[in-house]
Amino acid sequence: CMVVSPYERERAMALAILIWVPAGSQQKPGVKPAAKLVVLEGTQFDFGKIYRGSVMERTLTLKNAGTDTLVMGNIGVSCGCTGAMVTAERIPPGGTGSVRITFNSKNFTGPVHKTVTLNSNGDSLGYTTIEFTASVIDEIGLNPQSIIVPGAEVNKTSTVMLTVTNNGMTPLSLTGFRTQLKGLVLKLPPDPIPPGGTGEIRAEFTPEAPANMLTEGVFVTTNNMRHPEVYLQVY
């Protein structure tokens, strides 16, 4: 038989272990595999200037940069105007998926900031937050945005003037109005309002009967494809 020294025996065992380690593996002894979620396009983006009523969409790539399977959980959104959906609930190491984010600007004007929260096992906090911004332009601007007549009297006509601004790209025509409020009449601009221009609406209200509090409204019809009607609250 051959006598082997303790040093040679340990060296032989080390070589045997190295032979069985898969090529390219960097997993250290005692370290558990972990998933890692990376949003390749980044976690912040801007839709830019959009017209109110537009529905915007953006798709982002999700990569598992870890060594274990990435498991996607529930998705949280900051309001009902935002939607989000992932293409895969499980992404293997090195694999990719995507998340589709939509934003409905119907009820917004001006700067907007929203968030989407991706819950997964790919972050130490258990979630990854995606933020997006937008600047929503109202094609038909109204100032004021409601008709307020605090001192209205029965059989006496009160007048409120409103300024209409055309923020769109084509001439704006106000073609009519409809309301269930008796005694309310709108006098609309007779000519189309050019892009960037303004016009005036003259609201005349002659109450027929007393009321402690009045909350009604009026719809103004237009030639704008995205906003065929504009609603004005009457107080």
Protein backbone atom coordinates (compact mmCIF):
# COMPACT_ATOMS: atom_id res chain seq x y z
CA CYS A 1 0.00 0.00 0.00
CA MET A 2 1.02 3.65 -0.44
CA VAL A 3 1.17 6.11 2.44
CA VAL A 4 -0.39 9.52 1.64
CA SER A 5 0.40 12.56 3.78
CA PRO A 6 -2.46 14.66 5.24
CA TYR A 7 -1.42 17.58 2.98
CA GLU A 8 -1.63 15.48 -0.20
CA ARG A 9 -5.00 14.05 0.88
CA GLU A 10 -6.51 17.58 1.38
CA ARG A 11 -5.08 18.73 -1.98
CA ALA A 12 -6.64 15.74 -3.77
CA MET A 13 -10.04 16.42 -2.17
CA ALA A 14 -9.89 20.08 -3.24
CA LEU A 15 -9.13 19.10 -6.83
CA ALA A 16 -12.03 16.65 -6.83
CA ILE A 17 -14.40 19.37 -5.60
CA LEU A 18 -13.21 21.76 -8.33
CA ILE A 19 -13.88 19.12 -10.97
CA TRP A 20 -17.57 18.94 -9.97
CA VAL A 21 -18.25 22.69 -9.79
CA PRO A 22 -20.28 23.68 -12.92
CA ALA A 23 -18.40 25.89 -15.36
CA GLY A 24 -19.19 29.59 -14.94
CA SER A 25 -20.83 29.13 -11.53
CA GLN A 26 -19.94 31.85 -9.03
CA GLN A 27 -22.15 30.61 -6.21
CA LYS A 28 -20.20 30.72 -2.97
CA PRO A 29 -20.49 27.90 -0.40
CA GLY A 30 -23.19 28.69 2.17
CA VAL A 31 -24.84 31.45 0.04
CA LYS A 32 -28.44 30.73 -0.92
CA PRO A 33 -29.59 31.41 -4.51
CA ALA A 34 -31.46 34.71 -4.86
CA ALA A 35 -33.57 36.31 -7.57
CA LYS A 36 -32.88 39.91 -8.62
CA LEU A 37 -35.37 42.08 -10.51
CA VAL A 38 -33.91 44.65 -12.89
CA VAL A 39 -36.04 47.01 -15.01
CA LEU A 40 -33.83 47.42 -18.08
CA GLU A 41 -35.33 50.77 -19.18
CA GLY A 42 -35.14 52.16 -15.64
CA THR A 43 -37.79 52.73 -12.99
CA GLN A 44 -38.74 56.26 -14.09
CA PHE A 45 -40.15 57.57 -17.37
CA ASP A 46 -42.14 60.51 -18.75
CA PHE A 47 -45.09 60.39 -21.16
CA GLY A 48 -44.43 64.05 -21.96
CA LYS A 49 -47.21 66.37 -23.12
CA ILE A 50 -50.49 64.59 -23.85
CA TYR A 51 -54.05 65.75 -24.48
CA ARG A 52 -56.66 65.08 -21.79
CA GLY A 53 -58.61 61.95 -22.65
CA SER A 54 -55.66 60.19 -24.26
CA VAL A 55 -54.81 56.66 -23.07
CA MET A 56 -51.04 56.20 -22.98
CA GLU A 57 -49.09 52.94 -22.87
CA ARG A 58 -45.51 51.92 -22.09
CA THR A 59 -43.94 48.44 -21.95
CA LEU A 60 -40.85 47.87 -19.79
CA THR A 61 -38.52 44.85 -19.82
CA LEU A 62 -38.07 42.90 -16.58
CA LYS A 63 -34.88 40.85 -16.23
CA ASN A 64 -33.94 38.32 -13.58
CA ALA A 65 -30.29 39.13 -12.90
CA GLY A 66 -30.13 36.69 -9.97
CA THR A 67 -29.43 32.99 -9.52
CA ASP A 68 -32.90 31.82 -8.49
CA THR A 69 -36.33 31.96 -10.13
CA LEU A 70 -37.95 35.39 -9.99
CA VAL A 71 -41.55 35.10 -8.75
CA MET A 72 -43.82 38.08 -9.46
CA GLY A 73 -46.58 38.90 -6.98
CA ASN A 74 -49.44 41.38 -6.94
CA ILE A 75 -49.15 44.75 -8.68
CA GLY A 76 -50.17 47.96 -6.92
CA VAL A 77 -51.13 51.19 -8.69
CA SER A 78 -51.56 54.67 -7.22
CA CYS A 79 -55.04 55.24 -8.69
CA GLY A 80 -57.71 53.73 -10.94
CA CYS A 81 -56.39 55.74 -13.89
CA THR A 82 -53.36 53.44 -14.09
CA GLY A 83 -53.22 49.81 -15.19
CA ALA A 84 -50.34 47.32 -15.15
CA MET A 85 -49.93 43.71 -16.28
CA VAL A 86 -46.90 41.40 -16.40
CA THR A 87 -46.35 38.80 -19.12
CA ALA A 88 -44.92 36.11 -16.83
CA GLU A 89 -45.34 35.29 -13.15
CA ARG A 90 -42.07 33.29 -13.01
CA ILE A 91 -38.84 34.31 -14.74
CA PRO A 92 -35.79 31.98 -14.66
CA PRO A 93 -32.27 33.24 -13.91
CA GLY A 94 -31.07 35.31 -16.86
CA GLY A 95 -34.55 35.36 -18.39
CA THR A 96 -36.76 38.33 -19.19
CA GLY A 97 -40.42 39.29 -19.10
CA SER A 98 -42.26 42.58 -19.38
CA VAL A 99 -44.78 44.81 -17.67
CA ARG A 100 -47.33 46.84 -19.66
CA ILE A 101 -48.35 50.12 -18.02
CA THR A 102 -51.32 52.21 -19.18
CA PHE A 103 -52.53 55.65 -18.08
CA ASN A 104 -55.95 57.19 -18.79
CA SER A 105 -55.72 60.99 -18.68
CA LYS A 106 -59.48 61.57 -18.86
CA ASN A 107 -59.81 63.17 -15.42
CA PHE A 108 -56.52 65.09 -15.27
CA THR A 109 -55.14 68.47 -16.25
CA GLY A 110 -51.59 69.72 -15.74
CA PRO A 111 -48.65 67.84 -14.17
CA VAL A 112 -49.25 64.20 -13.22
CA HIS A 113 -47.11 61.84 -11.12
CA LYS A 114 -48.13 58.19 -10.65
CA THR A 115 -46.55 54.98 -9.36
CA VAL A 116 -46.70 51.25 -10.08
CA THR A 117 -45.48 48.81 -7.42
CA LEU A 118 -44.20 45.38 -8.49
CA ASN A 119 -44.20 42.90 -5.60
CA SER A 120 -41.71 40.04 -6.06
CA ASN A 121 -38.92 38.05 -4.44
CA GLY A 122 -36.41 39.99 -6.54
CA ASP A 123 -35.81 42.87 -4.14
CA SER A 124 -34.66 43.02 -0.54
CA LEU A 125 -37.71 45.18 0.29
CA GLY A 126 -40.09 42.78 -1.45
CA TYR A 127 -41.20 45.34 -4.02
CA THR A 128 -39.92 47.58 -6.82
CA THR A 129 -41.52 50.98 -7.52
CA ILE A 130 -41.87 52.39 -11.03
CA GLU A 131 -42.71 56.09 -11.35
CA PHE A 132 -44.03 57.98 -14.37
CA THR A 133 -44.96 61.58 -15.08
CA ALA A 134 -46.96 63.43 -17.73
CA SER A 135 -48.20 66.90 -18.54
CA VAL A 136 -51.89 66.76 -19.47
CA ILE A 137 -53.16 69.51 -21.76
CA ASP A 138 -56.87 70.30 -21.79
CA GLU A 139 -57.74 71.16 -25.39
CA ILE A 140 -60.73 73.21 -24.22
CA GLY A 141 -59.80 75.46 -21.33
CA LEU A 142 -62.54 77.19 -19.32
CA ASN A 143 -62.09 80.03 -16.84
CA PRO A 144 -63.88 79.80 -14.50
CA GLN A 145 -64.65 76.08 -14.77
CA SER A 146 -68.14 76.41 -13.31
CA ILE A 147 -71.05 78.87 -13.30
CA ILE A 148 -71.47 80.37 -9.83
CA VAL A 149 -74.38 82.73 -9.11
CA PRO A 150 -74.44 83.27 -5.32
CA GLY A 151 -76.91 86.19 -5.37
CA ALA A 152 -79.49 84.90 -7.83
CA GLU A 153 -83.03 86.21 -7.36
CA VAL A 154 -86.34 84.94 -8.71
CA ASN A 155 -87.32 86.59 -12.02
CA LYS A 156 -84.06 88.55 -12.06
CA THR A 157 -81.37 87.77 -14.62
CA SER A 158 -77.81 87.19 -13.35
CA THR A 159 -74.91 87.10 -15.81
CA VAL A 160 -71.62 85.17 -15.62
CA MET A 161 -68.88 85.49 -18.25
CA LEU A 162 -66.56 82.57 -19.02
CA THR A 163 -63.42 82.56 -21.15
CA VAL A 164 -62.85 79.64 -23.53
CA THR A 165 -59.29 78.89 -24.67
CA ASN A 166 -58.58 76.63 -27.63
CA ASN A 167 -55.47 74.61 -26.68
CA GLY A 168 -55.95 72.22 -29.59
CA MET A 169 -54.46 72.13 -33.06
CA THR A 170 -57.65 72.89 -35.06
CA PRO A 171 -60.33 75.62 -34.89
CA LEU A 172 -62.84 75.08 -32.07
CA SER A 173 -66.58 75.61 -32.55
CA LEU A 174 -69.09 75.63 -29.70
CA THR A 175 -72.23 74.41 -31.42
CA GLY A 176 -74.91 74.32 -28.71
CA PHE A 177 -75.84 73.42 -25.14
CA ARG A 178 -78.32 71.29 -23.20
CA THR A 179 -79.49 71.50 -19.60
CA GLN A 180 -82.45 70.62 -17.40
CA LEU A 181 -82.08 73.82 -15.41
CA LYS A 182 -84.95 76.14 -16.27
CA GLY A 183 -84.01 79.78 -16.75
CA LEU A 184 -80.41 79.12 -17.85
CA VAL A 185 -79.33 80.35 -21.29
CA LEU A 186 -75.82 80.30 -22.81
CA LYS A 187 -74.73 82.69 -25.52
CA LEU A 188 -71.82 80.99 -27.33
CA PRO A 189 -69.10 82.48 -29.55
CA PRO A 190 -70.57 82.82 -33.08
CA ASP A 191 -67.28 82.11 -34.85
CA PRO A 192 -64.75 79.26 -34.52
CA ILE A 193 -61.92 79.90 -32.05
CA PRO A 194 -58.51 79.48 -33.74
CA PRO A 195 -55.76 77.36 -32.11
CA GLY A 196 -54.29 79.34 -29.23
CA GLY A 197 -57.19 81.81 -29.35
CA THR A 198 -59.93 82.62 -26.86
CA GLY A 199 -63.67 83.30 -26.92
CA GLU A 200 -66.39 84.11 -24.40
CA ILE A 201 -69.48 82.34 -23.14
CA ARG A 202 -72.19 84.52 -21.63
CA ALA A 203 -74.30 82.60 -19.12
CA GLU A 204 -77.63 84.20 -18.18
CA PHE A 205 -79.65 82.70 -15.36
CA THR A 206 -83.19 83.82 -14.44
CA PRO A 207 -84.54 81.64 -11.61
CA GLU A 208 -88.23 80.80 -11.82
CA ALA A 209 -88.60 79.62 -8.22
CA PRO A 210 -86.68 80.00 -4.95
CA ALA A 211 -84.20 77.31 -3.86
CA ASN A 212 -81.97 77.13 -0.78
CA MET A 213 -79.19 75.36 -2.70
CA LEU A 214 -78.86 74.70 -6.42
CA THR A 215 -76.45 72.16 -7.94
CA GLU A 216 -77.17 71.58 -11.59
CA GLY A 217 -75.13 71.52 -14.77
CA VAL A 218 -75.03 72.28 -18.46
CA PHE A 219 -73.40 70.42 -21.38
CA VAL A 220 -71.79 72.50 -24.12
CA THR A 221 -71.44 70.67 -27.45
CA THR A 222 -68.31 71.18 -29.57
CA ASN A 223 -66.70 70.01 -32.82
CA ASN A 224 -63.73 68.54 -30.93
CA MET A 225 -63.42 64.79 -31.58
CA ARG A 226 -61.95 64.03 -28.16
CA HIS A 227 -64.31 66.35 -26.27
CA PRO A 228 -67.67 66.47 -28.09
CA GLU A 229 -69.20 67.84 -24.90
CA VAL A 230 -67.89 70.00 -22.07
CA TYR A 231 -69.70 69.91 -18.72
CA LEU A 232 -70.15 73.01 -16.56
CA GLN A 233 -71.40 72.78 -12.99
CA VAL A 234 -73.92 75.44 -11.95
CA TYR A 235 -74.03 76.59 -8.34
